[in-house]
Amino acid sequence: MALIASYRQSQGRAVYNGEWGPQDGGALESRVRLVTEVRQQCEDAGVGWAIWEDPVNMNLFDSQAGTWLTEIIDALLPP
């Protein structure tokens, strides 16, 4: 993130971190930590971000149940 922030500052360009996310194979606690850390680092560095939701291997939403994976959503949108 330091390299990205340095580039952003030296070039005067906006930087966007898109299409990242935790794959379903990892433990939920680990995935929550990853989401929290990436979001915090992006926000601290002034880098825009968007997480990728992929129903095959990076679920944030259960379309059959119509529910969100609240632990991940809470990490993305803290109070």
PDB file of N, CA and C in Angstrom:
ATOM      1  N   MET A   1       0.832  -1.185   0.000  1.00  0.00           N
ATOM      2  CA  MET A   1       0.000   0.000   0.000  1.00  0.00           C
ATOM      3  C   MET A   1       0.877   1.250   0.000  1.00  0.00           C
ATOM      4  N   ALA A   2       2.034   1.180   0.635  1.00  0.00           N
ATOM      5  CA  ALA A   2       2.944   2.337   0.650  1.00  0.00           C
ATOM      6  C   ALA A   2       3.387   2.681  -0.771  1.00  0.00           C
ATOM      7  N   LEU A   3       3.647   1.682  -1.593  1.00  0.00           N
ATOM      8  CA  LEU A   3       4.032   1.915  -2.982  1.00  0.00           C
ATOM      9  C   LEU A   3       2.890   2.570  -3.762  1.00  0.00           C
ATOM     10  N   ILE A   4       1.696   2.108  -3.540  1.00  0.00           N
ATOM     11  CA  ILE A   4       0.527   2.677  -4.218  1.00  0.00           C
ATOM     12  C   ILE A   4       0.310   4.125  -3.785  1.00  0.00           C
ATOM     13  N   ALA A   5       0.419   4.373  -2.481  1.00  0.00           N
ATOM     14  CA  ALA A   5       0.233   5.738  -1.976  1.00  0.00           C
ATOM     15  C   ALA A   5       1.319   6.665  -2.511  1.00  0.00           C
ATOM     16  N   SER A   6       2.541   6.169  -2.588  1.00  0.00           N
ATOM     17  CA  SER A   6       3.645   6.967  -3.120  1.00  0.00           C
ATOM     18  C   SER A   6       3.398   7.314  -4.587  1.00  0.00           C
ATOM     19  N   TYR A   7       2.957   6.337  -5.366  1.00  0.00           N
ATOM     20  CA  TYR A   7       2.642   6.574  -6.775  1.00  0.00           C
ATOM     21  C   TYR A   7       1.532   7.616  -6.896  1.00  0.00           C
ATOM     22  N   ARG A   8       0.491   7.445  -6.096  1.00  0.00           N
ATOM     23  CA  ARG A   8      -0.640   8.373  -6.142  1.00  0.00           C
ATOM     24  C   ARG A   8      -0.187   9.795  -5.869  1.00  0.00           C
ATOM     25  N   GLN A   9       0.649   9.955  -4.862  1.00  0.00           N
ATOM     26  CA  GLN A   9       1.119  11.290  -4.502  1.00  0.00           C
ATOM     27  C   GLN A   9       2.080  11.859  -5.542  1.00  0.00           C
ATOM     28  N   SER A  10       3.011  11.060  -6.023  1.00  0.00           N
ATOM     29  CA  SER A  10       4.012  11.573  -6.959  1.00  0.00           C
ATOM     30  C   SER A  10       3.424  11.875  -8.332  1.00  0.00           C
ATOM     31  N   GLN A  11       2.413  11.124  -8.741  1.00  0.00           N
ATOM     32  CA  GLN A  11       1.819  11.303 -10.068  1.00  0.00           C
ATOM     33  C   GLN A  11       0.559  12.170 -10.038  1.00  0.00           C
ATOM     34  N   GLY A  12       0.037  12.406  -8.847  1.00  0.00           N
ATOM     35  CA  GLY A  12      -1.184  13.201  -8.740  1.00  0.00           C
ATOM     36  C   GLY A  12      -2.386  12.513  -9.359  1.00  0.00           C
ATOM     37  N   ARG A  13      -2.401  11.207  -9.296  1.00  0.00           N
ATOM     38  CA  ARG A  13      -3.490  10.433  -9.905  1.00  0.00           C
ATOM     39  C   ARG A  13      -4.307   9.713  -8.835  1.00  0.00           C
ATOM     40  N   ALA A  14      -5.550   9.525  -9.133  1.00  0.00           N
ATOM     41  CA  ALA A  14      -6.396   8.716  -8.261  1.00  0.00           C
ATOM     42  C   ALA A  14      -6.054   7.244  -8.491  1.00  0.00           C
ATOM     43  N   VAL A  15      -6.110   6.468  -7.438  1.00  0.00           N
ATOM     44  CA  VAL A  15      -5.855   5.031  -7.528  1.00  0.00           C
ATOM     45  C   VAL A  15      -7.071   4.307  -6.978  1.00  0.00           C
ATOM     46  N   TYR A  16      -7.432   3.225  -7.626  1.00  0.00           N
ATOM     47  CA  TYR A  16      -8.615   2.455  -7.258  1.00  0.00           C
ATOM     48  C   TYR A  16      -8.229   0.987  -7.124  1.00  0.00           C
ATOM     49  N   ASN A  17      -8.550   0.385  -6.011  1.00  0.00           N
ATOM     50  CA  ASN A  17      -8.287  -1.028  -5.767  1.00  0.00           C
ATOM     51  C   ASN A  17      -9.602  -1.778  -5.940  1.00  0.00           C
ATOM     52  N   GLY A  18      -9.781  -2.353  -7.097  1.00  0.00           N
ATOM     53  CA  GLY A  18     -11.033  -3.035  -7.393  1.00  0.00           C
ATOM     54  C   GLY A  18     -10.857  -4.531  -7.572  1.00  0.00           C
ATOM     55  N   GLU A  19     -11.941  -5.228  -7.446  1.00  0.00           N
ATOM     56  CA  GLU A  19     -12.024  -6.665  -7.691  1.00  0.00           C
ATOM     57  C   GLU A  19     -11.094  -7.483  -6.809  1.00  0.00           C
ATOM     58  N   TRP A  20     -11.138  -7.245  -5.525  1.00  0.00           N
ATOM     59  CA  TRP A  20     -10.419  -8.074  -4.558  1.00  0.00           C
ATOM     60  C   TRP A  20     -11.446  -8.653  -3.599  1.00  0.00           C
ATOM     61  N   GLY A  21     -11.071  -9.725  -2.932  1.00  0.00           N
ATOM     62  CA  GLY A  21     -11.976 -10.308  -1.950  1.00  0.00           C
ATOM     63  C   GLY A  21     -11.435 -11.614  -1.413  1.00  0.00           C
ATOM     64  N   PRO A  22     -12.012 -12.074  -0.325  1.00  0.00           N
ATOM     65  CA  PRO A  22     -11.558 -13.310   0.305  1.00  0.00           C
ATOM     66  C   PRO A  22     -12.221 -14.526  -0.319  1.00  0.00           C
ATOM     67  N   GLN A  23     -11.428 -15.511  -0.669  1.00  0.00           N
ATOM     68  CA  GLN A  23     -12.000 -16.720  -1.254  1.00  0.00           C
ATOM     69  C   GLN A  23     -12.631 -17.583  -0.173  1.00  0.00           C
ATOM     70  N   ASP A  24     -13.689 -18.278  -0.541  1.00  0.00           N
ATOM     71  CA  ASP A  24     -14.482 -19.062   0.402  1.00  0.00           C
ATOM     72  C   ASP A  24     -13.709 -20.179   1.103  1.00  0.00           C
ATOM     73  N   GLY A  25     -12.618 -20.649   0.543  1.00  0.00           N
ATOM     74  CA  GLY A  25     -11.895 -21.781   1.128  1.00  0.00           C
ATOM     75  C   GLY A  25     -11.247 -21.496   2.462  1.00  0.00           C
ATOM     76  N   GLY A  26     -11.006 -20.223   2.772  1.00  0.00           N
ATOM     77  CA  GLY A  26     -10.357 -19.874   4.032  1.00  0.00           C
ATOM     78  C   GLY A  26     -11.338 -19.831   5.190  1.00  0.00           C
ATOM     79  N   ALA A  27     -10.779 -19.900   6.390  1.00  0.00           N
ATOM     80  CA  ALA A  27     -11.602 -19.789   7.594  1.00  0.00           C
ATOM     81  C   ALA A  27     -12.260 -18.414   7.630  1.00  0.00           C
ATOM     82  N   LEU A  28     -13.478 -18.356   8.115  1.00  0.00           N
ATOM     83  CA  LEU A  28     -14.222 -17.103   8.139  1.00  0.00           C
ATOM     84  C   LEU A  28     -13.471 -16.011   8.900  1.00  0.00           C
ATOM     85  N   GLU A  29     -12.872 -16.356  10.046  1.00  0.00           N
ATOM     86  CA  GLU A  29     -12.142 -15.355  10.829  1.00  0.00           C
ATOM     87  C   GLU A  29     -10.989 -14.760  10.023  1.00  0.00           C
ATOM     88  N   SER A  30     -10.314 -15.585   9.260  1.00  0.00           N
ATOM     89  CA  SER A  30      -9.206 -15.129   8.422  1.00  0.00           C
ATOM     90  C   SER A  30      -9.715 -14.219   7.308  1.00  0.00           C
ATOM     91  N   ARG A  31     -10.832 -14.577   6.720  1.00  0.00           N
ATOM     92  CA  ARG A  31     -11.415 -13.766   5.654  1.00  0.00           C
ATOM     93  C   ARG A  31     -11.856 -12.407   6.181  1.00  0.00           C
ATOM     94  N   VAL A  32     -12.425 -12.381   7.385  1.00  0.00           N
ATOM     95  CA  VAL A  32     -12.831 -11.117   8.007  1.00  0.00           C
ATOM     96  C   VAL A  32     -11.610 -10.241   8.265  1.00  0.00           C
ATOM     97  N   ARG A  33     -10.532 -10.837   8.765  1.00  0.00           N
ATOM     98  CA  ARG A  33      -9.296 -10.068   9.011  1.00  0.00           C
ATOM     99  C   ARG A  33      -8.745  -9.492   7.714  1.00  0.00           C
ATOM    100  N   LEU A  34      -8.761 -10.272   6.629  1.00  0.00           N
ATOM    101  CA  LEU A  34      -8.271  -9.793   5.336  1.00  0.00           C
ATOM    102  C   LEU A  34      -9.095  -8.602   4.858  1.00  0.00           C
ATOM    103  N   VAL A  35     -10.400  -8.726   4.899  1.00  0.00           N
ATOM    104  CA  VAL A  35     -11.280  -7.651   4.450  1.00  0.00           C
ATOM    105  C   VAL A  35     -11.062  -6.390   5.281  1.00  0.00           C
ATOM    106  N   THR A  36     -10.983  -6.554   6.587  1.00  0.00           N
ATOM    107  CA  THR A  36     -10.761  -5.408   7.472  1.00  0.00           C
ATOM    108  C   THR A  36      -9.435  -4.727   7.148  1.00  0.00           C
ATOM    109  N   GLU A  37      -8.381  -5.500   7.003  1.00  0.00           N
ATOM    110  CA  GLU A  37      -7.047  -4.944   6.760  1.00  0.00           C
ATOM    111  C   GLU A  37      -6.961  -4.230   5.409  1.00  0.00           C
ATOM    112  N   VAL A  38      -7.457  -4.857   4.362  1.00  0.00           N
ATOM    113  CA  VAL A  38      -7.392  -4.224   3.029  1.00  0.00           C
ATOM    114  C   VAL A  38      -8.221  -2.943   3.020  1.00  0.00           C
ATOM    115  N   ARG A  39      -9.426  -3.000   3.570  1.00  0.00           N
ATOM    116  CA  ARG A  39     -10.265  -1.801   3.616  1.00  0.00           C
ATOM    117  C   ARG A  39      -9.593  -0.682   4.390  1.00  0.00           C
ATOM    118  N   GLN A  40      -9.072  -0.997   5.573  1.00  0.00           N
ATOM    119  CA  GLN A  40      -8.431   0.024   6.399  1.00  0.00           C
ATOM    120  C   GLN A  40      -7.209   0.627   5.718  1.00  0.00           C
ATOM    121  N   GLN A  41      -6.384  -0.224   5.121  1.00  0.00           N
ATOM    122  CA  GLN A  41      -5.186   0.291   4.450  1.00  0.00           C
ATOM    123  C   GLN A  41      -5.548   1.178   3.264  1.00  0.00           C
ATOM    124  N   CYS A  42      -6.543   0.782   2.492  1.00  0.00           N
ATOM    125  CA  CYS A  42      -6.985   1.618   1.372  1.00  0.00           C
ATOM    126  C   CYS A  42      -7.493   2.963   1.880  1.00  0.00           C
ATOM    127  N   GLU A  43      -8.338   2.931   2.875  1.00  0.00           N
ATOM    128  CA  GLU A  43      -8.909   4.171   3.391  1.00  0.00           C
ATOM    129  C   GLU A  43      -7.841   5.066   4.005  1.00  0.00           C
ATOM    130  N   ASP A  44      -6.894   4.482   4.739  1.00  0.00           N
ATOM    131  CA  ASP A  44      -5.814   5.266   5.337  1.00  0.00           C
ATOM    132  C   ASP A  44      -4.936   5.924   4.274  1.00  0.00           C
ATOM    133  N   ALA A  45      -4.777   5.252   3.131  1.00  0.00           N
ATOM    134  CA  ALA A  45      -3.922   5.767   2.056  1.00  0.00           C
ATOM    135  C   ALA A  45      -4.683   6.636   1.064  1.00  0.00           C
ATOM    136  N   GLY A  46      -5.992   6.800   1.249  1.00  0.00           N
ATOM    137  CA  GLY A  46      -6.781   7.594   0.311  1.00  0.00           C
ATOM    138  C   GLY A  46      -7.018   6.900  -1.014  1.00  0.00           C
ATOM    139  N   VAL A  47      -7.058   5.581  -0.981  1.00  0.00           N
ATOM    140  CA  VAL A  47      -7.256   4.772  -2.188  1.00  0.00           C
ATOM    141  C   VAL A  47      -8.695   4.263  -2.196  1.00  0.00           C
ATOM    142  N   GLY A  48      -9.404   4.508  -3.299  1.00  0.00           N
ATOM    143  CA  GLY A  48     -10.760   3.978  -3.439  1.00  0.00           C
ATOM    144  C   GLY A  48     -10.729   2.462  -3.555  1.00  0.00           C
ATOM    145  N   TRP A  49     -11.798   1.813  -3.153  1.00  0.00           N
ATOM    146  CA  TRP A  49     -11.826   0.356  -3.209  1.00  0.00           C
ATOM    147  C   TRP A  49     -13.239  -0.158  -3.490  1.00  0.00           C
ATOM    148  N   ALA A  50     -13.289  -1.371  -3.980  1.00  0.00           N
ATOM    149  CA  ALA A  50     -14.540  -2.123  -4.120  1.00  0.00           C
ATOM    150  C   ALA A  50     -14.196  -3.593  -3.998  1.00  0.00           C
ATOM    151  N   ILE A  51     -14.982  -4.298  -3.255  1.00  0.00           N
ATOM    152  CA  ILE A  51     -14.748  -5.733  -3.090  1.00  0.00           C
ATOM    153  C   ILE A  51     -15.476  -6.480  -4.209  1.00  0.00           C
ATOM    154  N   TRP A  52     -14.985  -7.635  -4.550  1.00  0.00           N
ATOM    155  CA  TRP A  52     -15.574  -8.471  -5.600  1.00  0.00           C
ATOM    156  C   TRP A  52     -16.429  -9.534  -4.935  1.00  0.00           C
ATOM    157  N   GLU A  53     -17.652  -9.675  -5.381  1.00  0.00           N
ATOM    158  CA  GLU A  53     -18.533 -10.732  -4.901  1.00  0.00           C
ATOM    159  C   GLU A  53     -18.705 -11.721  -6.031  1.00  0.00           C
ATOM    160  N   ASP A  54     -18.297 -12.958  -5.787  1.00  0.00           N
ATOM    161  CA  ASP A  54     -18.373 -14.004  -6.805  1.00  0.00           C
ATOM    162  C   ASP A  54     -19.110 -15.196  -6.185  1.00  0.00           C
ATOM    163  N   PRO A  55     -20.290 -15.513  -6.679  1.00  0.00           N
ATOM    164  CA  PRO A  55     -21.075 -16.578  -6.059  1.00  0.00           C
ATOM    165  C   PRO A  55     -20.423 -17.960  -6.153  1.00  0.00           C
ATOM    166  N   VAL A  56     -19.377 -18.091  -6.952  1.00  0.00           N
ATOM    167  CA  VAL A  56     -18.713 -19.386  -7.081  1.00  0.00           C
ATOM    168  C   VAL A  56     -17.664 -19.592  -5.987  1.00  0.00           C
ATOM    169  N   ASN A  57     -16.871 -18.536  -5.662  1.00  0.00           N
ATOM    170  CA  ASN A  57     -15.814 -18.760  -4.671  1.00  0.00           C
ATOM    171  C   ASN A  57     -15.514 -17.569  -3.757  1.00  0.00           C
ATOM    172  N   MET A  58     -16.299 -16.507  -3.823  1.00  0.00           N
ATOM    173  CA  MET A  58     -16.129 -15.375  -2.911  1.00  0.00           C
ATOM    174  C   MET A  58     -17.506 -14.836  -2.533  1.00  0.00           C
ATOM    175  N   ASN A  59     -18.248 -15.643  -1.812  1.00  0.00           N
ATOM    176  CA  ASN A  59     -19.620 -15.278  -1.465  1.00  0.00           C
ATOM    177  C   ASN A  59     -19.680 -14.208  -0.386  1.00  0.00           C
ATOM    178  N   LEU A  60     -20.441 -13.182  -0.664  1.00  0.00           N
ATOM    179  CA  LEU A  60     -20.804 -12.180   0.333  1.00  0.00           C
ATOM    180  C   LEU A  60     -22.317 -12.213   0.548  1.00  0.00           C
ATOM    181  N   PHE A  61     -23.011 -12.771  -0.432  1.00  0.00           N
ATOM    182  CA  PHE A  61     -24.471 -12.831  -0.409  1.00  0.00           C
ATOM    183  C   PHE A  61     -24.915 -14.234  -0.799  1.00  0.00           C
ATOM    184  N   ASP A  62     -25.808 -14.816  -0.019  1.00  0.00           N
ATOM    185  CA  ASP A  62     -26.393 -16.127  -0.323  1.00  0.00           C
ATOM    186  C   ASP A  62     -27.691 -15.874  -1.064  1.00  0.00           C
ATOM    187  N   SER A  63     -27.665 -16.030  -2.387  1.00  0.00           N
ATOM    188  CA  SER A  63     -28.837 -15.693  -3.197  1.00  0.00           C
ATOM    189  C   SER A  63     -30.000 -16.647  -2.959  1.00  0.00           C
ATOM    190  N   GLN A  64     -29.726 -17.877  -2.576  1.00  0.00           N
ATOM    191  CA  GLN A  64     -30.820 -18.808  -2.301  1.00  0.00           C
ATOM    192  C   GLN A  64     -31.541 -18.436  -1.006  1.00  0.00           C
ATOM    193  N   ALA A  65     -30.774 -18.074   0.019  1.00  0.00           N
ATOM    194  CA  ALA A  65     -31.379 -17.710   1.305  1.00  0.00           C
ATOM    195  C   ALA A  65     -31.777 -16.242   1.338  1.00  0.00           C
ATOM    196  N   GLY A  66     -31.191 -15.444   0.435  1.00  0.00           N
ATOM    197  CA  GLY A  66     -31.474 -14.010   0.424  1.00  0.00           C
ATOM    198  C   GLY A  66     -30.843 -13.282   1.596  1.00  0.00           C
ATOM    199  N   THR A  67     -29.682 -13.774   2.037  1.00  0.00           N
ATOM    200  CA  THR A  67     -29.016 -13.168   3.196  1.00  0.00           C
ATOM    201  C   THR A  67     -27.558 -12.839   2.881  1.00  0.00           C
ATOM    202  N   TRP A  68     -27.051 -11.826   3.588  1.00  0.00           N
ATOM    203  CA  TRP A  68     -25.651 -11.425   3.473  1.00  0.00           C
ATOM    204  C   TRP A  68     -24.810 -12.189   4.487  1.00  0.00           C
ATOM    205  N   LEU A  69     -23.537 -12.367   4.187  1.00  0.00           N
ATOM    206  CA  LEU A  69     -22.591 -12.926   5.146  1.00  0.00           C
ATOM    207  C   LEU A  69     -22.199 -11.781   6.082  1.00  0.00           C
ATOM    208  N   THR A  70     -22.905 -11.662   7.180  1.00  0.00           N
ATOM    209  CA  THR A  70     -22.833 -10.460   8.015  1.00  0.00           C
ATOM    210  C   THR A  70     -21.439 -10.180   8.566  1.00  0.00           C
ATOM    211  N   GLU A  71     -20.659 -11.189   8.853  1.00  0.00           N
ATOM    212  CA  GLU A  71     -19.309 -10.950   9.386  1.00  0.00           C
ATOM    213  C   GLU A  71     -18.459 -10.183   8.385  1.00  0.00           C
ATOM    214  N   ILE A  72     -18.547 -10.533   7.117  1.00  0.00           N
ATOM    215  CA  ILE A  72     -17.787  -9.842   6.077  1.00  0.00           C
ATOM    216  C   ILE A  72     -18.363  -8.445   5.848  1.00  0.00           C
ATOM    217  N   ILE A  73     -19.667  -8.336   5.782  1.00  0.00           N
ATOM    218  CA  ILE A  73     -20.301  -7.032   5.577  1.00  0.00           C
ATOM    219  C   ILE A  73     -19.956  -6.086   6.726  1.00  0.00           C
ATOM    220  N   ASP A  74     -19.949  -6.579   7.949  1.00  0.00           N
ATOM    221  CA  ASP A  74     -19.581  -5.739   9.095  1.00  0.00           C
ATOM    222  C   ASP A  74     -18.129  -5.266   8.993  1.00  0.00           C
ATOM    223  N   ALA A  75     -17.255  -6.097   8.438  1.00  0.00           N
ATOM    224  CA  ALA A  75     -15.858  -5.699   8.250  1.00  0.00           C
ATOM    225  C   ALA A  75     -15.729  -4.619   7.171  1.00  0.00           C
ATOM    226  N   LEU A  76     -16.627  -4.663   6.203  1.00  0.00           N
ATOM    227  CA  LEU A  76     -16.617  -3.658   5.124  1.00  0.00           C
ATOM    228  C   LEU A  76     -17.243  -2.340   5.558  1.00  0.00           C
ATOM    229  N   LEU A  77     -18.281  -2.428   6.366  1.00  0.00           N
ATOM    230  CA  LEU A  77     -19.052  -1.257   6.751  1.00  0.00           C
ATOM    231  C   LEU A  77     -19.120  -1.157   8.272  1.00  0.00           C
ATOM    232  N   PRO A  78     -18.003  -0.798   8.905  1.00  0.00           N
ATOM    233  CA  PRO A  78     -18.022  -0.737  10.370  1.00  0.00           C
ATOM    234  C   PRO A  78     -18.924   0.400  10.866  1.00  0.00           C
ATOM    235  N   PRO A  79     -19.384   0.284  12.112  1.00  0.00           N
ATOM    236  CA  PRO A  79     -20.283   1.300  12.654  1.00  0.00           C
ATOM    237  C   PRO A  79     -19.628   2.680  12.731  1.00  0.00           C
TER     238      PRO A  79
END
